[in-house]
Amino acid sequence: MTDEATKTGIWAARVSKWYGSVTALSDVSVHIEPGVWGLLGPNGSGKSTFLQLVAGLLRPNLGELRVNGESPFDNPRVLQTLGFAPEADALYDDLTALEFVSGMAELHGIPRGEARDRARAILTTLGLDGAQDRRLGTFSRGMRQRAKLAQALLHEPRVLLLDEPLTGTDPHSKQVILEELRRRGQGGTLILFSTHVLHEVEALTEQVILIARGRLVAQGKTHEIRNLIHEHPHTIRVVCDRPRDLGSAMMATPSVVQVSFPEPRTVHFRTDDPEESYAALQQSAVLAAHEIESITSPDASLEALFHHLVERAGSAS
């Protein structure tokens, strides 16, 4: 990585963070340029830890981290350019939305009058103008997510860090949040938001970073991640009337590398080309008039993909 590259966006070099014997992040290196990025991974994968490191709330045990060329730790110059909305729903329930957001603006050093004006403006943008004088304790989950986003946006940050911003949102709140994030991203803001749901990333951006078990396992476009889901080794589980007959027929399919019978009326196919195998399975079932009760795959999920990529990365290192 060149010195010039470290001056834009988020730059991490071999960053690790642990708590006692628990490793939250392990040897993460990444360069995230301005634009909208999804940080995708299962719960407990290290997403929140990475966001808190970038926000300067945690320090790494090993490695280097830069935000637009500077360390975020104890650095007011960088922190003034960051907006952060944590996953934790820790709002001041006795405050109104206007009091909360304008108070956060004052903490950024914005004068009181201007702080209230900015708070009203961002609450209106996020569809909360009619609720700005209501106490946060009366807000729905979707409204609370929008209030958290409002306090992260009011000082016009260059880098916006959002931890699971769509969790628990109703369709209206989700649409409002997505529209504002798209607008900000098009305006040049670097937005990094975490989620464990791929379609949430696809609704906002094509750029995705995959993290699992504290390790960065892939970075690319969302369609490339979809391809990985289809391409990684796959097990197909079929419950049918004559599993051994179906297993024998499927062995003629080049992509089927293993057949097993773990339970009565059940056959498992291990394949390196799921699309071909599903087509062959359909043909075999029709030709032999099999009674198929169910066809499932424990591998057709992001969780399975994460585990596969972690194992592949481990074997390559």
C-alpha atoms as a PDB file:
ATOM      1  CA  MET A   1       0.000   0.000   0.000  1.00  0.00           C
ATOM      2  CA  THR A   2       1.472   3.371  -1.033  1.00  0.00           C
ATOM      3  CA  ASP A   3       1.680   6.363   1.296  1.00  0.00           C
ATOM      4  CA  GLU A   4      -0.729   8.189  -1.027  1.00  0.00           C
ATOM      5  CA  ALA A   5      -3.336   5.424  -0.678  1.00  0.00           C
ATOM      6  CA  THR A   6      -3.397   5.771   3.109  1.00  0.00           C
ATOM      7  CA  LYS A   7      -4.480   9.422   2.826  1.00  0.00           C
ATOM      8  CA  THR A   8      -7.987   8.709   1.529  1.00  0.00           C
ATOM      9  CA  GLY A   9     -10.753   6.689   3.127  1.00  0.00           C
ATOM     10  CA  ILE A  10     -10.214   4.014   5.759  1.00  0.00           C
ATOM     11  CA  TRP A  11      -6.910   2.170   5.750  1.00  0.00           C
ATOM     12  CA  ALA A  12      -6.120  -0.780   8.032  1.00  0.00           C
ATOM     13  CA  ALA A  13      -2.888  -2.780   8.021  1.00  0.00           C
ATOM     14  CA  ARG A  14      -2.740  -6.108   9.883  1.00  0.00           C
ATOM     15  CA  VAL A  15      -5.133  -4.919  12.580  1.00  0.00           C
ATOM     16  CA  SER A  16      -5.892  -7.316  15.440  1.00  0.00           C
ATOM     17  CA  LYS A  17      -8.004  -6.818  18.551  1.00  0.00           C
ATOM     18  CA  TRP A  18      -8.537  -9.247  21.386  1.00  0.00           C
ATOM     19  CA  TYR A  19     -10.102  -9.358  24.837  1.00  0.00           C
ATOM     20  CA  GLY A  20      -8.185 -11.771  27.025  1.00  0.00           C
ATOM     21  CA  SER A  21      -8.326 -15.113  25.223  1.00  0.00           C
ATOM     22  CA  VAL A  22     -11.096 -13.979  22.849  1.00  0.00           C
ATOM     23  CA  THR A  23      -9.953 -12.687  19.450  1.00  0.00           C
ATOM     24  CA  ALA A  24     -12.400 -10.173  17.985  1.00  0.00           C
ATOM     25  CA  LEU A  25     -10.327  -9.247  14.900  1.00  0.00           C
ATOM     26  CA  SER A  26      -7.360 -11.074  13.433  1.00  0.00           C
ATOM     27  CA  ASP A  27      -4.851  -9.587  10.979  1.00  0.00           C
ATOM     28  CA  VAL A  28      -7.326  -7.415   9.047  1.00  0.00           C
ATOM     29  CA  SER A  29      -5.888  -5.388   6.163  1.00  0.00           C
ATOM     30  CA  VAL A  30      -8.214  -3.334   3.965  1.00  0.00           C
ATOM     31  CA  HIS A  31      -8.472  -0.037   2.082  1.00  0.00           C
ATOM     32  CA  ILE A  32     -11.996   1.399   1.905  1.00  0.00           C
ATOM     33  CA  GLU A  33     -12.303   4.300  -0.508  1.00  0.00           C
ATOM     34  CA  PRO A  34     -15.048   6.975  -0.500  1.00  0.00           C
ATOM     35  CA  GLY A  35     -18.438   5.581  -1.486  1.00  0.00           C
ATOM     36  CA  VAL A  36     -20.972   3.271   0.131  1.00  0.00           C
ATOM     37  CA  TRP A  37     -19.753  -0.059   1.516  1.00  0.00           C
ATOM     38  CA  GLY A  38     -21.526  -2.920   3.226  1.00  0.00           C
ATOM     39  CA  LEU A  39     -19.637  -4.707   6.017  1.00  0.00           C
ATOM     40  CA  LEU A  40     -21.267  -8.123   5.869  1.00  0.00           C
ATOM     41  CA  GLY A  41     -20.892 -10.948   8.351  1.00  0.00           C
ATOM     42  CA  PRO A  42     -22.693 -13.190  10.840  1.00  0.00           C
ATOM     43  CA  ASN A  43     -23.438 -11.976  14.345  1.00  0.00           C
ATOM     44  CA  GLY A  44     -20.269 -12.041  16.431  1.00  0.00           C
ATOM     45  CA  SER A  45     -17.987 -11.884  13.393  1.00  0.00           C
ATOM     46  CA  GLY A  46     -16.140  -8.695  14.385  1.00  0.00           C
ATOM     47  CA  LYS A  47     -18.165  -6.073  12.502  1.00  0.00           C
ATOM     48  CA  SER A  48     -18.912  -3.911  15.541  1.00  0.00           C
ATOM     49  CA  THR A  49     -15.332  -4.148  16.762  1.00  0.00           C
ATOM     50  CA  PHE A  50     -14.005  -2.932  13.411  1.00  0.00           C
ATOM     51  CA  LEU A  51     -16.426   0.007  13.331  1.00  0.00           C
ATOM     52  CA  GLN A  52     -15.494   0.998  16.890  1.00  0.00           C
ATOM     53  CA  LEU A  53     -11.807   0.874  15.972  1.00  0.00           C
ATOM     54  CA  VAL A  54     -12.383   3.159  12.986  1.00  0.00           C
ATOM     55  CA  ALA A  55     -14.433   5.487  15.209  1.00  0.00           C
ATOM     56  CA  GLY A  56     -11.514   5.728  17.639  1.00  0.00           C
ATOM     57  CA  LEU A  57     -13.496   4.136  20.475  1.00  0.00           C
ATOM     58  CA  LEU A  58     -11.153   1.134  20.681  1.00  0.00           C
ATOM     59  CA  ARG A  59      -7.443   0.755  20.035  1.00  0.00           C
ATOM     60  CA  PRO A  60      -6.021  -2.261  18.194  1.00  0.00           C
ATOM     61  CA  ASN A  61      -3.621  -4.567  20.007  1.00  0.00           C
ATOM     62  CA  LEU A  62      -1.645  -4.887  16.788  1.00  0.00           C
ATOM     63  CA  GLY A  63      -1.567  -3.110  13.443  1.00  0.00           C
ATOM     64  CA  GLU A  64      -2.169   0.377  12.084  1.00  0.00           C
ATOM     65  CA  LEU A  65      -5.372   2.232  11.301  1.00  0.00           C
ATOM     66  CA  ARG A  66      -5.843   5.521   9.437  1.00  0.00           C
ATOM     67  CA  VAL A  67      -8.894   7.584   8.519  1.00  0.00           C
ATOM     68  CA  ASN A  68      -8.162   9.993   5.674  1.00  0.00           C
ATOM     69  CA  GLY A  69      -4.475   9.695   6.445  1.00  0.00           C
ATOM     70  CA  GLU A  70      -4.619  10.236  10.212  1.00  0.00           C
ATOM     71  CA  SER A  71      -4.974   8.095  13.319  1.00  0.00           C
ATOM     72  CA  PRO A  72      -8.498   8.342  14.809  1.00  0.00           C
ATOM     73  CA  PHE A  73      -7.303   7.757  18.372  1.00  0.00           C
ATOM     74  CA  ASP A  74      -7.460  10.832  20.633  1.00  0.00           C
ATOM     75  CA  ASN A  75      -7.474  12.956  17.497  1.00  0.00           C
ATOM     76  CA  PRO A  76     -10.205  15.645  17.536  1.00  0.00           C
ATOM     77  CA  ARG A  77      -9.371  16.643  13.963  1.00  0.00           C
ATOM     78  CA  VAL A  78     -10.385  13.190  12.710  1.00  0.00           C
ATOM     79  CA  LEU A  79     -13.269  12.708  15.127  1.00  0.00           C
ATOM     80  CA  GLN A  80     -14.912  15.913  13.874  1.00  0.00           C
ATOM     81  CA  THR A  81     -15.110  14.305  10.424  1.00  0.00           C
ATOM     82  CA  LEU A  82     -16.713  11.062  11.672  1.00  0.00           C
ATOM     83  CA  GLY A  83     -20.368  10.225  12.208  1.00  0.00           C
ATOM     84  CA  PHE A  84     -21.159   7.067  14.191  1.00  0.00           C
ATOM     85  CA  ALA A  85     -24.434   5.314  14.983  1.00  0.00           C
ATOM     86  CA  PRO A  86     -23.847   2.246  17.207  1.00  0.00           C
ATOM     87  CA  GLU A  87     -25.979  -0.866  17.174  1.00  0.00           C
ATOM     88  CA  ALA A  88     -26.842  -0.445  20.863  1.00  0.00           C
ATOM     89  CA  ASP A  89     -30.202   1.242  21.329  1.00  0.00           C
ATOM     90  CA  ALA A  90     -28.894   3.561  24.064  1.00  0.00           C
ATOM     91  CA  LEU A  91     -30.908   6.750  23.665  1.00  0.00           C
ATOM     92  CA  TYR A  92     -31.986   9.230  26.345  1.00  0.00           C
ATOM     93  CA  ASP A  93     -35.641   8.253  26.584  1.00  0.00           C
ATOM     94  CA  ASP A  94     -36.649  11.302  28.663  1.00  0.00           C
ATOM     95  CA  LEU A  95     -35.395  13.723  25.999  1.00  0.00           C
ATOM     96  CA  THR A  96     -37.365  14.765  22.956  1.00  0.00           C
ATOM     97  CA  ALA A  97     -35.870  13.999  19.561  1.00  0.00           C
ATOM     98  CA  LEU A  98     -35.052  17.697  19.091  1.00  0.00           C
ATOM     99  CA  GLU A  99     -33.366  17.938  22.497  1.00  0.00           C
ATOM    100  CA  PHE A 100     -31.309  14.814  21.848  1.00  0.00           C
ATOM    101  CA  VAL A 101     -30.108  15.695  18.358  1.00  0.00           C
ATOM    102  CA  SER A 102     -29.434  19.366  19.125  1.00  0.00           C
ATOM    103  CA  GLY A 103     -27.600  18.343  22.304  1.00  0.00           C
ATOM    104  CA  MET A 104     -25.360  16.046  20.278  1.00  0.00           C
ATOM    105  CA  ALA A 105     -24.725  18.933  17.884  1.00  0.00           C
ATOM    106  CA  GLU A 106     -23.588  21.118  20.777  1.00  0.00           C
ATOM    107  CA  LEU A 107     -21.159  18.386  21.825  1.00  0.00           C
ATOM    108  CA  HIS A 108     -19.606  18.824  18.377  1.00  0.00           C
ATOM    109  CA  GLY A 109     -19.009  22.471  19.235  1.00  0.00           C
ATOM    110  CA  ILE A 110     -21.915  23.856  17.213  1.00  0.00           C
ATOM    111  CA  PRO A 111     -23.489  26.952  18.872  1.00  0.00           C
ATOM    112  CA  ARG A 112     -26.889  26.336  20.493  1.00  0.00           C
ATOM    113  CA  GLY A 113     -29.013  28.275  18.020  1.00  0.00           C
ATOM    114  CA  GLU A 114     -27.352  26.694  15.007  1.00  0.00           C
ATOM    115  CA  ALA A 115     -27.498  23.293  16.708  1.00  0.00           C
ATOM    116  CA  ARG A 116     -31.291  23.497  17.011  1.00  0.00           C
ATOM    117  CA  ASP A 117     -31.621  24.648  13.400  1.00  0.00           C
ATOM    118  CA  ARG A 118     -29.472  21.767  12.175  1.00  0.00           C
ATOM    119  CA  ALA A 119     -31.360  19.303  14.367  1.00  0.00           C
ATOM    120  CA  ARG A 120     -34.718  20.422  12.983  1.00  0.00           C
ATOM    121  CA  ALA A 121     -33.402  20.175   9.423  1.00  0.00           C
ATOM    122  CA  ILE A 122     -31.999  16.655   9.713  1.00  0.00           C
ATOM    123  CA  LEU A 123     -35.050  15.395  11.629  1.00  0.00           C
ATOM    124  CA  THR A 124     -37.219  16.758   8.815  1.00  0.00           C
ATOM    125  CA  THR A 125     -35.014  15.085   6.199  1.00  0.00           C
ATOM    126  CA  LEU A 126     -35.467  11.762   8.004  1.00  0.00           C
ATOM    127  CA  GLY A 127     -39.234  12.170   8.294  1.00  0.00           C
ATOM    128  CA  LEU A 128     -39.301  12.933  12.024  1.00  0.00           C
ATOM    129  CA  ASP A 129     -40.362  16.596  11.858  1.00  0.00           C
ATOM    130  CA  GLY A 130     -43.807  15.708  13.202  1.00  0.00           C
ATOM    131  CA  ALA A 131     -42.264  13.833  16.133  1.00  0.00           C
ATOM    132  CA  GLN A 132     -39.379  16.139  17.062  1.00  0.00           C
ATOM    133  CA  ASP A 133     -41.108  17.263  20.277  1.00  0.00           C
ATOM    134  CA  ARG A 134     -41.976  13.722  21.385  1.00  0.00           C
ATOM    135  CA  ARG A 135     -39.866  11.916  23.961  1.00  0.00           C
ATOM    136  CA  LEU A 136     -37.604   9.244  22.518  1.00  0.00           C
ATOM    137  CA  GLY A 137     -39.082   6.706  24.927  1.00  0.00           C
ATOM    138  CA  THR A 138     -42.318   6.815  22.906  1.00  0.00           C
ATOM    139  CA  PHE A 139     -40.587   6.130  19.573  1.00  0.00           C
ATOM    140  CA  SER A 140     -40.906   2.883  17.619  1.00  0.00           C
ATOM    141  CA  ARG A 141     -37.732   0.942  16.781  1.00  0.00           C
ATOM    142  CA  GLY A 142     -37.670   2.351  13.267  1.00  0.00           C
ATOM    143  CA  MET A 143     -38.039   5.920  14.550  1.00  0.00           C
ATOM    144  CA  ARG A 144     -35.264   5.341  17.089  1.00  0.00           C
ATOM    145  CA  GLN A 145     -32.970   4.125  14.310  1.00  0.00           C
ATOM    146  CA  ARG A 146     -33.696   7.337  12.410  1.00  0.00           C
ATOM    147  CA  ALA A 147     -32.967   9.433  15.514  1.00  0.00           C
ATOM    148  CA  LYS A 148     -29.611   7.664  15.899  1.00  0.00           C
ATOM    149  CA  LEU A 149     -28.847   8.351  12.255  1.00  0.00           C
ATOM    150  CA  ALA A 150     -29.824  12.014  12.676  1.00  0.00           C
ATOM    151  CA  GLN A 151     -27.224  12.607  15.386  1.00  0.00           C
ATOM    152  CA  ALA A 152     -24.577  10.953  13.204  1.00  0.00           C
ATOM    153  CA  LEU A 153     -25.376  13.183  10.208  1.00  0.00           C
ATOM    154  CA  LEU A 154     -25.964  16.630  11.671  1.00  0.00           C
ATOM    155  CA  HIS A 155     -22.325  17.791  11.474  1.00  0.00           C
ATOM    156  CA  GLU A 156     -21.941  16.691   7.816  1.00  0.00           C
ATOM    157  CA  PRO A 157     -19.297  13.980   8.388  1.00  0.00           C
ATOM    158  CA  ARG A 158     -16.897  12.877   5.659  1.00  0.00           C
ATOM    159  CA  VAL A 159     -16.975   9.321   7.028  1.00  0.00           C
ATOM    160  CA  LEU A 160     -20.202   7.732   8.287  1.00  0.00           C
ATOM    161  CA  LEU A 161     -20.084   4.523  10.347  1.00  0.00           C
ATOM    162  CA  LEU A 162     -23.382   2.709  10.920  1.00  0.00           C
ATOM    163  CA  ASP A 163     -23.726  -0.493  12.940  1.00  0.00           C
ATOM    164  CA  GLU A 164     -26.772  -2.507  11.778  1.00  0.00           C
ATOM    165  CA  PRO A 165     -28.761   0.663  10.893  1.00  0.00           C
ATOM    166  CA  LEU A 166     -31.690  -1.258   9.360  1.00  0.00           C
ATOM    167  CA  THR A 167     -32.253  -3.753  12.189  1.00  0.00           C
ATOM    168  CA  GLY A 168     -35.828  -3.631  13.431  1.00  0.00           C
ATOM    169  CA  THR A 169     -36.938  -0.977  10.966  1.00  0.00           C
ATOM    170  CA  ASP A 170     -40.397  -0.922   9.430  1.00  0.00           C
ATOM    171  CA  PRO A 171     -40.643  -0.570   5.621  1.00  0.00           C
ATOM    172  CA  HIS A 172     -41.158   3.202   5.786  1.00  0.00           C
ATOM    173  CA  SER A 173     -38.188   3.815   8.094  1.00  0.00           C
ATOM    174  CA  LYS A 174     -36.011   1.531   5.990  1.00  0.00           C
ATOM    175  CA  GLN A 175     -36.902   3.407   2.804  1.00  0.00           C
ATOM    176  CA  VAL A 176     -36.198   6.804   4.402  1.00  0.00           C
ATOM    177  CA  ILE A 177     -32.811   5.627   5.705  1.00  0.00           C
ATOM    178  CA  LEU A 178     -31.795   4.055   2.393  1.00  0.00           C
ATOM    179  CA  GLU A 179     -32.733   7.148   0.385  1.00  0.00           C
ATOM    180  CA  GLU A 180     -30.685   9.443   2.632  1.00  0.00           C
ATOM    181  CA  LEU A 181     -27.671   7.133   2.599  1.00  0.00           C
ATOM    182  CA  ARG A 182     -27.796   6.879  -1.201  1.00  0.00           C
ATOM    183  CA  ARG A 183     -27.891  10.670  -1.454  1.00  0.00           C
ATOM    184  CA  ARG A 184     -24.955  11.065   0.929  1.00  0.00           C
ATOM    185  CA  GLY A 185     -22.938   8.401  -0.846  1.00  0.00           C
ATOM    186  CA  GLN A 186     -23.492  10.057  -4.219  1.00  0.00           C
ATOM    187  CA  GLY A 187     -22.270  13.300  -2.652  1.00  0.00           C
ATOM    188  CA  GLY A 188     -18.903  11.780  -1.768  1.00  0.00           C
ATOM    189  CA  THR A 189     -19.390  10.652   1.827  1.00  0.00           C
ATOM    190  CA  LEU A 190     -17.656   7.401   2.760  1.00  0.00           C
ATOM    191  CA  ILE A 191     -20.396   5.248   4.293  1.00  0.00           C
ATOM    192  CA  LEU A 192     -19.539   1.943   5.956  1.00  0.00           C
ATOM    193  CA  PHE A 193     -22.545   0.097   7.353  1.00  0.00           C
ATOM    194  CA  SER A 194     -22.663  -3.328   8.928  1.00  0.00           C
ATOM    195  CA  THR A 195     -25.300  -5.990   8.403  1.00  0.00           C
ATOM    196  CA  HIS A 196     -25.706  -9.755   8.387  1.00  0.00           C
ATOM    197  CA  VAL A 197     -28.214  -9.663   5.508  1.00  0.00           C
ATOM    198  CA  LEU A 198     -26.892  -9.618   1.924  1.00  0.00           C
ATOM    199  CA  HIS A 199     -30.017  -8.113   0.375  1.00  0.00           C
ATOM    200  CA  GLU A 200     -29.653  -5.067   2.668  1.00  0.00           C
ATOM    201  CA  VAL A 201     -26.265  -4.456   1.069  1.00  0.00           C
ATOM    202  CA  GLU A 202     -27.716  -5.000  -2.411  1.00  0.00           C
ATOM    203  CA  ALA A 203     -30.437  -2.422  -1.705  1.00  0.00           C
ATOM    204  CA  LEU A 204     -27.810   0.274  -1.196  1.00  0.00           C
ATOM    205  CA  THR A 205     -24.528  -0.559  -2.914  1.00  0.00           C
ATOM    206  CA  GLU A 206     -22.551  -3.040  -5.005  1.00  0.00           C
ATOM    207  CA  GLN A 207     -19.474  -2.795  -2.765  1.00  0.00           C
ATOM    208  CA  VAL A 208     -19.186  -5.331   0.021  1.00  0.00           C
ATOM    209  CA  ILE A 209     -16.610  -6.550   2.531  1.00  0.00           C
ATOM    210  CA  LEU A 210     -17.110  -9.992   4.075  1.00  0.00           C
ATOM    211  CA  ILE A 211     -15.907 -10.634   7.606  1.00  0.00           C
ATOM    212  CA  ALA A 212     -16.188 -13.861   9.602  1.00  0.00           C
ATOM    213  CA  ARG A 213     -14.633 -15.090  12.832  1.00  0.00           C
ATOM    214  CA  GLY A 214     -12.722 -11.842  13.056  1.00  0.00           C
ATOM    215  CA  ARG A 215     -11.086 -12.212   9.659  1.00  0.00           C
ATOM    216  CA  LEU A 216     -11.657 -10.381   6.393  1.00  0.00           C
ATOM    217  CA  VAL A 217     -12.452 -13.172   3.945  1.00  0.00           C
ATOM    218  CA  ALA A 218     -13.570 -11.359   0.773  1.00  0.00           C
ATOM    219  CA  GLN A 219     -14.007  -7.905  -0.741  1.00  0.00           C
ATOM    220  CA  GLY A 220     -15.757  -7.114  -4.006  1.00  0.00           C
ATOM    221  CA  LYS A 221     -19.063  -6.559  -5.762  1.00  0.00           C
ATOM    222  CA  THR A 222     -22.330  -8.019  -4.491  1.00  0.00           C
ATOM    223  CA  HIS A 223     -22.791 -10.115  -7.655  1.00  0.00           C
ATOM    224  CA  GLU A 224     -19.368 -11.674  -7.012  1.00  0.00           C
ATOM    225  CA  ILE A 225     -20.524 -12.640  -3.523  1.00  0.00           C
ATOM    226  CA  ARG A 226     -23.664 -14.172  -5.017  1.00  0.00           C
ATOM    227  CA  ASN A 227     -21.425 -16.183  -7.341  1.00  0.00           C
ATOM    228  CA  LEU A 228     -19.353 -17.375  -4.378  1.00  0.00           C
ATOM    229  CA  ILE A 229     -22.512 -18.634  -2.694  1.00  0.00           C
ATOM    230  CA  HIS A 230     -23.290 -20.751  -5.759  1.00  0.00           C
ATOM    231  CA  GLU A 231     -19.714 -21.867  -6.397  1.00  0.00           C
ATOM    232  CA  HIS A 232     -18.505 -23.081  -3.018  1.00  0.00           C
ATOM    233  CA  PRO A 233     -18.756 -26.848  -2.261  1.00  0.00           C
ATOM    234  CA  HIS A 234     -22.361 -27.734  -1.762  1.00  0.00           C
ATOM    235  CA  THR A 235     -24.380 -30.456  -0.056  1.00  0.00           C
ATOM    236  CA  ILE A 236     -27.895 -31.191  -1.310  1.00  0.00           C
ATOM    237  CA  ARG A 237     -30.217 -33.077   1.043  1.00  0.00           C
ATOM    238  CA  VAL A 238     -33.134 -34.953  -0.507  1.00  0.00           C
ATOM    239  CA  VAL A 239     -35.889 -36.786   1.352  1.00  0.00           C
ATOM    240  CA  CYS A 240     -37.655 -39.197  -1.000  1.00  0.00           C
ATOM    241  CA  ASP A 241     -39.270 -42.630  -1.345  1.00  0.00           C
ATOM    242  CA  ARG A 242     -36.246 -44.481  -2.858  1.00  0.00           C
ATOM    243  CA  PRO A 243     -33.056 -42.659  -1.826  1.00  0.00           C
ATOM    244  CA  ARG A 244     -30.635 -45.397  -2.966  1.00  0.00           C
ATOM    245  CA  ASP A 245     -32.114 -45.519  -6.467  1.00  0.00           C
ATOM    246  CA  LEU A 246     -31.889 -41.747  -6.718  1.00  0.00           C
ATOM    247  CA  GLY A 247     -28.333 -41.815  -5.357  1.00  0.00           C
ATOM    248  CA  SER A 248     -27.257 -44.361  -7.973  1.00  0.00           C
ATOM    249  CA  ALA A 249     -28.773 -42.296 -10.784  1.00  0.00           C
ATOM    250  CA  MET A 250     -27.115 -39.093  -9.571  1.00  0.00           C
ATOM    251  CA  MET A 251     -23.650 -40.682  -9.455  1.00  0.00           C
ATOM    252  CA  ALA A 252     -23.625 -40.386 -13.255  1.00  0.00           C
ATOM    253  CA  THR A 253     -23.627 -36.580 -12.904  1.00  0.00           C
ATOM    254  CA  PRO A 254     -20.019 -35.316 -13.285  1.00  0.00           C
ATOM    255  CA  SER A 255     -20.420 -32.595 -10.639  1.00  0.00           C
ATOM    256  CA  VAL A 256     -21.583 -35.034  -7.934  1.00  0.00           C
ATOM    257  CA  VAL A 257     -18.469 -36.035  -6.002  1.00  0.00           C
ATOM    258  CA  GLN A 258     -20.032 -37.951  -3.111  1.00  0.00           C
ATOM    259  CA  VAL A 259     -23.292 -39.664  -2.200  1.00  0.00           C
ATOM    260  CA  SER A 260     -24.297 -40.725   1.313  1.00  0.00           C
ATOM    261  CA  PHE A 261     -27.386 -41.999   3.126  1.00  0.00           C
ATOM    262  CA  PRO A 262     -27.314 -40.538   6.651  1.00  0.00           C
ATOM    263  CA  GLU A 263     -30.942 -41.253   7.566  1.00  0.00           C
ATOM    264  CA  PRO A 264     -33.873 -43.375   6.371  1.00  0.00           C
ATOM    265  CA  ARG A 265     -35.507 -41.977   3.220  1.00  0.00           C
ATOM    266  CA  THR A 266     -32.650 -39.447   2.909  1.00  0.00           C
ATOM    267  CA  VAL A 267     -29.763 -39.041   0.471  1.00  0.00           C
ATOM    268  CA  HIS A 268     -27.004 -36.410   0.537  1.00  0.00           C
ATOM    269  CA  PHE A 269     -25.178 -35.286  -2.612  1.00  0.00           C
ATOM    270  CA  ARG A 270     -21.866 -33.439  -2.394  1.00  0.00           C
ATOM    271  CA  THR A 271     -21.365 -31.338  -5.533  1.00  0.00           C
ATOM    272  CA  ASP A 272     -18.939 -28.786  -6.911  1.00  0.00           C
ATOM    273  CA  ASP A 273     -21.514 -27.412  -9.377  1.00  0.00           C
ATOM    274  CA  PRO A 274     -24.883 -26.910  -7.649  1.00  0.00           C
ATOM    275  CA  GLU A 275     -26.639 -25.599 -10.761  1.00  0.00           C
ATOM    276  CA  GLU A 276     -25.783 -28.694 -12.800  1.00  0.00           C
ATOM    277  CA  SER A 277     -26.653 -31.012  -9.925  1.00  0.00           C
ATOM    278  CA  TYR A 278     -30.048 -29.435  -9.298  1.00  0.00           C
ATOM    279  CA  ALA A 279     -30.890 -29.796 -12.999  1.00  0.00           C
ATOM    280  CA  ALA A 280     -29.801 -33.456 -12.988  1.00  0.00           C
ATOM    281  CA  LEU A 281     -31.745 -34.080  -9.792  1.00  0.00           C
ATOM    282  CA  GLN A 282     -34.912 -32.710 -11.325  1.00  0.00           C
ATOM    283  CA  GLN A 283     -34.441 -34.841 -14.446  1.00  0.00           C
ATOM    284  CA  SER A 284     -33.722 -38.027 -12.463  1.00  0.00           C
ATOM    285  CA  ALA A 285     -36.715 -37.499 -10.204  1.00  0.00           C
ATOM    286  CA  VAL A 286     -39.056 -37.055 -13.169  1.00  0.00           C
ATOM    287  CA  LEU A 287     -37.692 -39.977 -15.215  1.00  0.00           C
ATOM    288  CA  ALA A 288     -37.868 -42.455 -12.344  1.00  0.00           C
ATOM    289  CA  ALA A 289     -41.087 -41.029 -10.877  1.00  0.00           C
ATOM    290  CA  HIS A 290     -39.556 -40.481  -7.440  1.00  0.00           C
ATOM    291  CA  GLU A 291     -41.763 -39.052  -4.712  1.00  0.00           C
ATOM    292  CA  ILE A 292     -39.716 -36.122  -3.419  1.00  0.00           C
ATOM    293  CA  GLU A 293     -40.695 -34.825   0.024  1.00  0.00           C
ATOM    294  CA  SER A 294     -38.067 -32.106   0.309  1.00  0.00           C
ATOM    295  CA  ILE A 295     -34.874 -30.733  -1.227  1.00  0.00           C
ATOM    296  CA  THR A 296     -32.724 -28.537   1.003  1.00  0.00           C
ATOM    297  CA  SER A 297     -29.123 -27.408   1.283  1.00  0.00           C
ATOM    298  CA  PRO A 298     -27.359 -26.492   4.527  1.00  0.00           C
ATOM    299  CA  ASP A 299     -24.723 -24.769   2.380  1.00  0.00           C
ATOM    300  CA  ALA A 300     -27.011 -22.383   0.493  1.00  0.00           C
ATOM    301  CA  SER A 301     -26.526 -19.582   3.025  1.00  0.00           C
ATOM    302  CA  LEU A 302     -24.145 -16.784   3.862  1.00  0.00           C
ATOM    303  CA  GLU A 303     -23.197 -18.534   7.091  1.00  0.00           C
ATOM    304  CA  ALA A 304     -21.980 -21.561   5.136  1.00  0.00           C
ATOM    305  CA  LEU A 305     -20.146 -19.327   2.675  1.00  0.00           C
ATOM    306  CA  PHE A 306     -18.368 -17.521   5.503  1.00  0.00           C
ATOM    307  CA  HIS A 307     -17.209 -20.794   7.028  1.00  0.00           C
ATOM    308  CA  HIS A 308     -16.005 -22.053   3.644  1.00  0.00           C
ATOM    309  CA  LEU A 309     -14.048 -18.869   2.940  1.00  0.00           C
ATOM    310  CA  VAL A 310     -12.471 -18.890   6.405  1.00  0.00           C
ATOM    311  CA  GLU A 311     -11.371 -22.504   5.930  1.00  0.00           C
ATOM    312  CA  ARG A 312     -10.032 -21.704   2.454  1.00  0.00           C
ATOM    313  CA  ALA A 313      -8.109 -18.691   3.744  1.00  0.00           C
ATOM    314  CA  GLY A 314      -6.693 -20.781   6.577  1.00  0.00           C
ATOM    315  CA  SER A 315      -5.464 -23.513   4.245  1.00  0.00           C
ATOM    316  CA  ALA A 316      -3.833 -20.940   1.959  1.00  0.00           C
ATOM    317  CA  SER A 317      -1.923 -19.207   4.748  1.00  0.00           C
END
